Protein backbone atom coordinates (compact mmCIF):
# COMPACT_ATOMS: atom_id res chain seq x y z
CA MET A 1 98.96 -28.43 42.17
CA GLU A 2 99.64 -31.03 39.18
CA GLY A 3 95.44 -31.27 38.47
CA ARG A 4 94.79 -27.19 38.44
CA GLU A 5 94.74 -25.87 34.88
CA THR A 6 97.57 -22.58 34.65
CA LYS A 7 97.15 -19.91 32.58
CA PRO A 8 99.94 -19.33 30.51
CA PRO A 9 102.05 -16.02 30.42
CA PRO A 10 101.45 -13.32 27.63
CA PRO A 11 104.90 -13.78 25.36
CA ASN A 12 106.26 -10.90 26.53
CA PRO A 13 105.81 -10.51 29.98
CA ALA A 14 108.18 -6.92 30.30
CA MET A 15 105.37 -5.21 27.94
CA PRO A 16 101.55 -4.84 28.67
CA TYR A 17 99.00 -7.29 27.76
CA ARG A 18 95.62 -6.94 27.37
CA GLU A 19 93.00 -10.32 27.45
CA ASP A 20 90.92 -8.49 24.42
CA CYS A 21 94.22 -7.86 22.12
CA TRP A 22 93.50 -9.20 19.23
CA SER A 23 96.08 -10.17 16.38
CA GLU A 24 95.41 -10.27 12.70
CA GLY A 25 96.22 -13.78 12.24
CA ALA A 26 93.59 -14.46 15.52
CA THR A 27 91.30 -12.09 13.69
CA ALA A 28 91.11 -14.11 10.38
CA ALA A 29 90.90 -17.03 11.88
CA LEU A 30 87.62 -15.33 13.97
CA ILE A 31 86.25 -14.35 10.76
CA GLU A 32 86.37 -17.65 8.41
CA ALA A 33 85.39 -19.98 11.54
CA TRP A 34 82.24 -17.72 11.97
CA GLY A 35 82.09 -17.06 8.26
CA ASP A 36 81.51 -20.76 7.86
CA ARG A 37 78.86 -21.32 10.52
CA TYR A 38 77.35 -18.04 9.64
CA VAL A 39 76.53 -18.89 5.40
CA GLU A 40 76.00 -22.79 7.24
CA LEU A 41 73.07 -21.33 9.67
CA ASN A 42 71.31 -19.27 5.81
CA ARG A 43 72.66 -16.31 7.57
CA GLY A 44 70.65 -16.56 11.24
CA ASN A 45 72.30 -15.95 13.87
CA LEU A 46 74.54 -18.55 16.07
CA ARG A 47 73.97 -20.00 19.19
CA GLN A 48 76.60 -20.87 22.22
CA LYS A 49 77.57 -23.87 21.33
CA HIS A 50 77.87 -22.39 17.48
CA TRP A 51 80.37 -19.84 19.10
CA GLN A 52 82.40 -22.64 21.57
CA GLU A 53 83.08 -24.14 18.11
CA VAL A 54 84.19 -20.66 17.23
CA ALA A 55 85.95 -19.97 20.04
CA ASP A 56 87.84 -23.67 20.01
CA ALA A 57 88.29 -23.01 16.22
CA VAL A 58 90.32 -19.80 17.21
CA ASN A 59 92.44 -21.55 19.68
CA SER A 60 93.52 -24.33 17.51
CA ARG A 61 95.69 -22.43 14.78
CA ARG A 62 98.85 -22.30 14.89
CA GLY A 63 100.48 -19.94 17.27
CA ALA A 64 97.64 -19.69 19.84
CA ALA A 65 99.30 -21.59 22.53
CA ARG A 66 101.26 -18.91 23.32
CA ARG A 67 98.07 -16.73 24.21
CA PRO A 68 95.22 -17.35 26.54
CA PRO A 69 92.44 -19.09 24.85
CA ARG A 70 89.92 -17.61 23.47
CA THR A 71 86.11 -17.40 24.92
CA ASP A 72 82.79 -17.57 23.36
CA VAL A 73 82.10 -14.46 25.01
CA GLN A 74 84.79 -12.91 23.53
CA CYS A 75 84.74 -14.08 19.73
CA LYS A 76 80.84 -12.67 19.78
CA ASN A 77 82.15 -8.85 20.83
CA ARG A 78 84.97 -9.08 18.88
CA ILE A 79 82.79 -10.03 15.36
CA ASP A 80 80.22 -7.00 16.93
CA THR A 81 82.78 -4.70 16.88
CA LEU A 82 83.92 -6.03 13.90
CA LYS A 83 80.55 -5.38 12.33
CA LYS A 84 80.31 -1.69 13.30
CA LYS A 85 84.28 -1.27 11.56
CA TYR A 86 82.55 -2.47 8.42
CA LYS A 87 79.73 -0.60 8.87
CA THR A 88 82.13 2.59 8.66
CA GLU A 89 84.36 1.82 6.16
CA LYS A 90 81.41 1.30 4.13
CA THR A 91 79.79 4.84 5.03
CA LYS A 92 83.47 6.36 3.76
CA ILE A 93 82.98 4.06 0.02
CA VAL A 94 79.67 5.27 -0.13
CA ASP A 95 80.43 9.35 0.79
CA GLY A 96 83.02 8.98 -2.46
CA ALA A 97 86.61 7.90 0.02
CA VAL A 98 89.25 6.13 -1.33
CA GLU A 99 88.98 2.28 -1.31
CA SER A 100 89.09 0.78 1.95
CA GLN A 101 92.18 -0.24 2.77
CA TRP A 102 91.07 -2.73 5.46
CA PRO A 103 92.14 -6.22 5.86
CA PHE A 104 89.06 -7.52 6.48
CA TYR A 105 86.34 -5.16 3.90
CA SER A 106 86.56 -7.54 0.97
CA ARG A 107 85.69 -10.71 3.50
CA LEU A 108 83.06 -8.76 5.64
CA ASP A 109 81.64 -7.09 2.56
CA ALA A 110 80.90 -10.71 0.97
CA LEU A 111 79.35 -12.00 4.15
CA ILE A 112 77.31 -9.37 5.63
CA GLY A 113 77.55 -6.34 2.76
CA ASP A 114 73.63 -7.71 2.06
CA SER A 115 72.58 -6.79 5.58
CA PHE A 116 73.83 -3.01 5.44
CA PRO A 117 71.97 -1.49 2.35
CA THR A 118 73.70 1.81 1.46
CA LYS A 119 72.64 5.70 1.54
CA LYS A 120 71.83 7.01 -1.88
CA PRO A 121 73.31 10.49 -1.54
CA PRO A 122 70.90 13.49 -2.15
CA HIS A 123 70.09 15.08 -5.03
CA PRO A 124 71.34 18.82 -5.01
CA PRO A 125 68.25 21.55 -4.83
CA SER A 126 66.87 22.56 -8.03
CA PRO A 127 68.12 26.24 -8.61
CA PRO A 128 65.73 28.79 -8.25
CA LEU A 129 64.07 30.25 -10.83
CA ALA A 130 64.22 33.87 -12.63
CA LEU A 131 62.06 36.41 -11.83
CA PRO A 132 60.13 37.73 -15.03
CA LEU A 133 61.55 41.17 -16.05
CA THR A 134 59.41 44.14 -17.25
CA PHE A 135 58.38 44.27 -21.17
CA HIS A 136 60.38 46.59 -23.05
CA ARG A 137 59.96 47.37 -26.87
CA LYS A 138 63.53 47.38 -29.08
CA GLY A 139 64.14 50.40 -30.14
CA SER A 140 62.14 52.77 -28.07
CA PRO A 141 64.90 54.40 -25.03
CA LEU A 142 63.92 54.92 -21.84
CA PRO A 143 62.14 58.06 -20.55
CA ALA A 144 64.96 58.58 -18.27
CA ALA A 145 68.06 57.96 -20.70
CA ALA A 146 65.97 59.82 -23.07
CA ALA A 147 66.01 63.12 -21.02
CA ALA A 148 69.54 62.61 -20.23
CA ALA A 149 70.64 62.20 -23.98
CA ALA A 150 69.22 65.09 -25.47
CA ALA A 151 70.14 67.22 -22.31
CA ALA A 152 74.30 66.18 -22.90
CA ALA A 153 73.22 66.97 -27.10
CA ALA A 154 72.32 70.51 -26.42
CA ALA A 155 75.32 71.52 -24.06
CA ALA A 156 77.73 69.78 -26.61
CA ARG A 157 76.47 71.31 -29.47
CA PRO A 158 79.13 74.21 -30.13
CA LEU A 159 76.92 77.69 -30.09
CA ASP A 160 77.34 80.39 -33.05
CA SER A 161 78.04 84.19 -32.08
CA LYS A 162 74.94 85.49 -33.33
CA GLU A 163 72.70 83.04 -30.89
CA LYS A 164 71.53 83.25 -27.85
CA ARG A 165 72.43 80.64 -25.61
CA PRO A 166 68.80 78.73 -24.65
CA ALA A 167 67.38 80.10 -21.20
CA ALA A 168 67.14 77.32 -18.39
CA THR A 169 63.43 77.14 -18.36
CA ALA A 170 63.58 76.28 -22.29
CA LEU A 171 62.94 72.34 -21.11
CA PRO A 172 59.61 71.58 -20.20
CA VAL A 173 59.66 70.68 -16.67
CA ASP A 174 57.25 68.31 -14.56
CA ASP A 175 55.76 69.42 -11.13
CA ALA A 176 54.44 66.46 -10.18
CA PHE A 177 57.93 64.44 -10.78
CA PHE A 178 59.38 66.64 -8.55
CA ARG A 179 56.75 67.03 -6.07
CA ARG A 180 56.85 63.21 -6.19
CA ASN A 181 61.05 63.21 -5.87
CA TYR A 182 60.40 65.41 -2.98
CA SER A 183 57.47 63.43 -1.28
CA ALA A 184 59.66 60.32 -1.58
CA ALA A 185 62.66 61.75 -0.24
CA ALA A 186 60.48 63.34 2.61
CA ALA A 187 59.34 60.00 3.72
CA ALA A 188 63.04 58.33 2.99
CA ALA A 189 64.16 61.30 5.60
CA ALA A 190 61.42 60.61 8.02
CA GLU A 191 61.95 56.63 7.91
CA ARG A 192 65.74 57.03 8.23
CA GLU A 193 64.91 59.63 11.68
CA SER A 194 62.36 56.86 12.79
CA GLU A 195 64.51 53.74 11.77
CA SER A 196 67.15 56.07 14.16
CA SER A 197 65.16 57.21 16.91
CA SER A 198 64.27 53.07 17.20
CA SER A 199 67.87 52.08 17.06
CA ARG A 200 68.52 54.51 19.52
CA SER A 201 65.62 53.81 21.91
CA SER A 202 66.26 50.27 21.40
CA VAL A 203 69.99 50.25 22.33
CA GLU A 204 69.21 52.02 25.70
CA ARG A 205 66.72 49.19 26.13
CA SER A 206 69.75 46.55 25.14
CA ARG A 207 71.70 48.46 27.34
CA SER A 208 69.18 48.44 30.76
CA SER A 209 68.75 45.12 30.27
CA ARG A 210 71.79 44.36 30.71
CA GLU A 211 72.71 46.26 33.40
CA ARG A 212 69.73 44.62 35.42
CA LEU A 213 70.44 41.31 34.14
CA SER A 214 74.14 42.31 35.51
CA ARG A 215 72.38 43.40 38.85
CA GLY A 216 70.37 40.69 39.19
CA TRP A 217 73.35 37.96 38.83
CA LYS A 218 75.27 39.91 41.33
CA ARG A 219 72.10 39.48 43.77
CA ARG A 220 72.07 36.36 42.72
CA ARG A 221 75.59 35.47 43.11
CA GLU A 222 76.03 37.70 47.07
CA GLY A 223 72.86 34.95 47.74
CA TYR A 224 74.75 31.92 46.17
CA GLY A 225 77.90 32.83 48.94
CA GLU A 226 75.78 33.46 51.34
CA GLY A 227 73.78 30.22 50.92
CA PHE A 228 77.75 28.56 50.41
CA ARG A 229 78.88 30.12 53.63
CA GLN A 230 76.19 29.04 55.61
CA LEU A 231 76.67 25.36 54.17
CA ALA A 232 80.46 25.65 55.09
CA ARG A 233 79.65 26.38 58.58
CA ALA A 234 76.48 23.45 58.69
CA ILE A 235 79.32 20.84 57.12
CA ARG A 236 81.61 22.23 59.50
CA ARG A 237 79.42 22.13 62.72
CA LEU A 238 78.45 17.74 61.22
CA ALA A 239 81.82 17.66 61.67
CA GLU A 240 82.30 18.66 64.95
CA ILE A 241 78.91 16.89 65.93
CA TYR A 242 80.42 13.17 64.56
CA GLU A 243 83.88 14.18 65.99
CA LYS A 244 82.76 13.86 69.08
CA ILE A 245 80.09 11.26 68.85
CA GLU A 246 83.60 8.90 67.48
CA GLU A 247 85.44 9.89 70.49
CA GLU A 248 82.65 8.86 72.74
CA LYS A 249 82.34 5.95 71.09
CA GLN A 250 86.05 4.96 71.28
CA GLN A 251 85.90 5.40 75.17
CA GLN A 252 82.66 3.71 76.15
CA MET A 253 84.62 0.09 73.71
CA ILE A 254 87.77 0.88 76.09
CA ASP A 255 85.76 1.44 79.35
CA LEU A 256 83.97 -2.03 78.36
CA GLU A 257 87.19 -3.41 77.34
CA LYS A 258 88.68 -2.66 80.63
CA GLN A 259 85.29 -4.10 82.53
CA ARG A 260 85.94 -7.44 80.08
CA MET A 261 89.23 -8.03 81.59
CA GLU A 262 88.36 -7.10 85.44
CA PHE A 263 85.47 -9.77 84.86
CA ALA A 264 87.97 -12.41 83.35
CA LYS A 265 90.31 -11.39 86.16
CA GLY A 266 87.96 -11.71 88.33
CA LEU A 267 86.85 -15.24 87.36
CA GLU A 268 90.07 -16.80 86.91
CA PHE A 269 90.84 -16.03 90.25
CA GLN A 270 87.79 -17.65 91.53
CA ARG A 271 88.50 -20.12 89.37
CA MET A 272 92.37 -20.90 90.39
CA GLN A 273 90.81 -20.52 94.09
CA ILE A 274 88.20 -23.44 93.71
CA PHE A 275 90.65 -25.41 91.93
CA VAL A 276 92.88 -24.51 95.09
CA ASP A 277 90.28 -25.55 97.67
CA SER A 278 89.04 -28.54 96.14
CA GLN A 279 92.57 -30.18 96.09
CA VAL A 280 92.84 -29.28 99.60
CA GLN A 281 89.65 -30.83 100.34
CA LEU A 282 91.22 -34.21 98.54
CA GLU A 283 94.74 -34.03 100.65
CA LYS A 284 92.25 -34.01 103.50
CA ILE A 285 89.76 -36.78 102.45
CA LYS A 286 93.23 -38.93 101.00
CA ARG A 287 94.95 -38.19 104.61
CA SER A 288 92.08 -39.60 106.77
CA LYS A 289 92.07 -42.06 104.56
CA ARG A 290 95.52 -43.08 105.48
CA VAL A 291 95.31 -42.59 109.20
CA ASP A 292 91.95 -44.66 109.08
CA ALA A 293 93.50 -47.70 107.54
CA GLU A 294 96.78 -47.71 109.87
CA SER A 295 94.84 -47.62 112.81
CA TYR A 296 93.30 -50.61 111.29
CA LEU A 297 96.46 -52.03 110.90
CA SER A 298 97.33 -51.34 114.14
């Protein structure tokens, strides 16, 4: 019909077309139209009439006749999408990335840049303080180092033929030092043995717990299998019952249809019988009237 408005086809019917697909020209026109009204409203929210004006401005641009006209809802959704894209691009720039290659970034940054505050990167944690060292007077050798140096000097000194090698008992022996070392070694050995026994016990406990878990999981899996089998049997029985009910329903519908056809047939037969009887009666009445008229005239 001539009064009905027809929707223009897409530019290339052979290619797929989406109504929410925006070209760069349409997006640029949308940003310009929306930005002018956004600034006029002191960066406030646009109302429905403003969005309709934005849609009219987008539809009136050059080359827009080949596309379906944009509605106010589509323009508003497109602006929301552009804001999300701008926020993502600005976050990339703040995080230290290169300058944005998006063609609409500069225009949107001039319009809504103040409404998206930049987040400063967190300061790196301060390095930990160094632990204090024990005080040691300069020039005085350590006790262990002094003892080792004395033993090395005595071993490296050449012996005279008349001089006897000193006995091993010449060096002073600290019994308390050896007792402390022995007790420390014994404590360390006992600790290692306790650790090994505790590790073995922990390994055994973990193994037994894994075995219990595996047995429990096996029992649960068997229980799940039995439950699934029962569920399958119940579903099969329900399907059989449903099939039987459907068959009975269809049989009842067939019987009702037969009864209806028989009733309609009987009703039609009665109607024809009444019609024939009425025609016969009318014909008898007409014949009797003609006979009376002839007898009257004669």
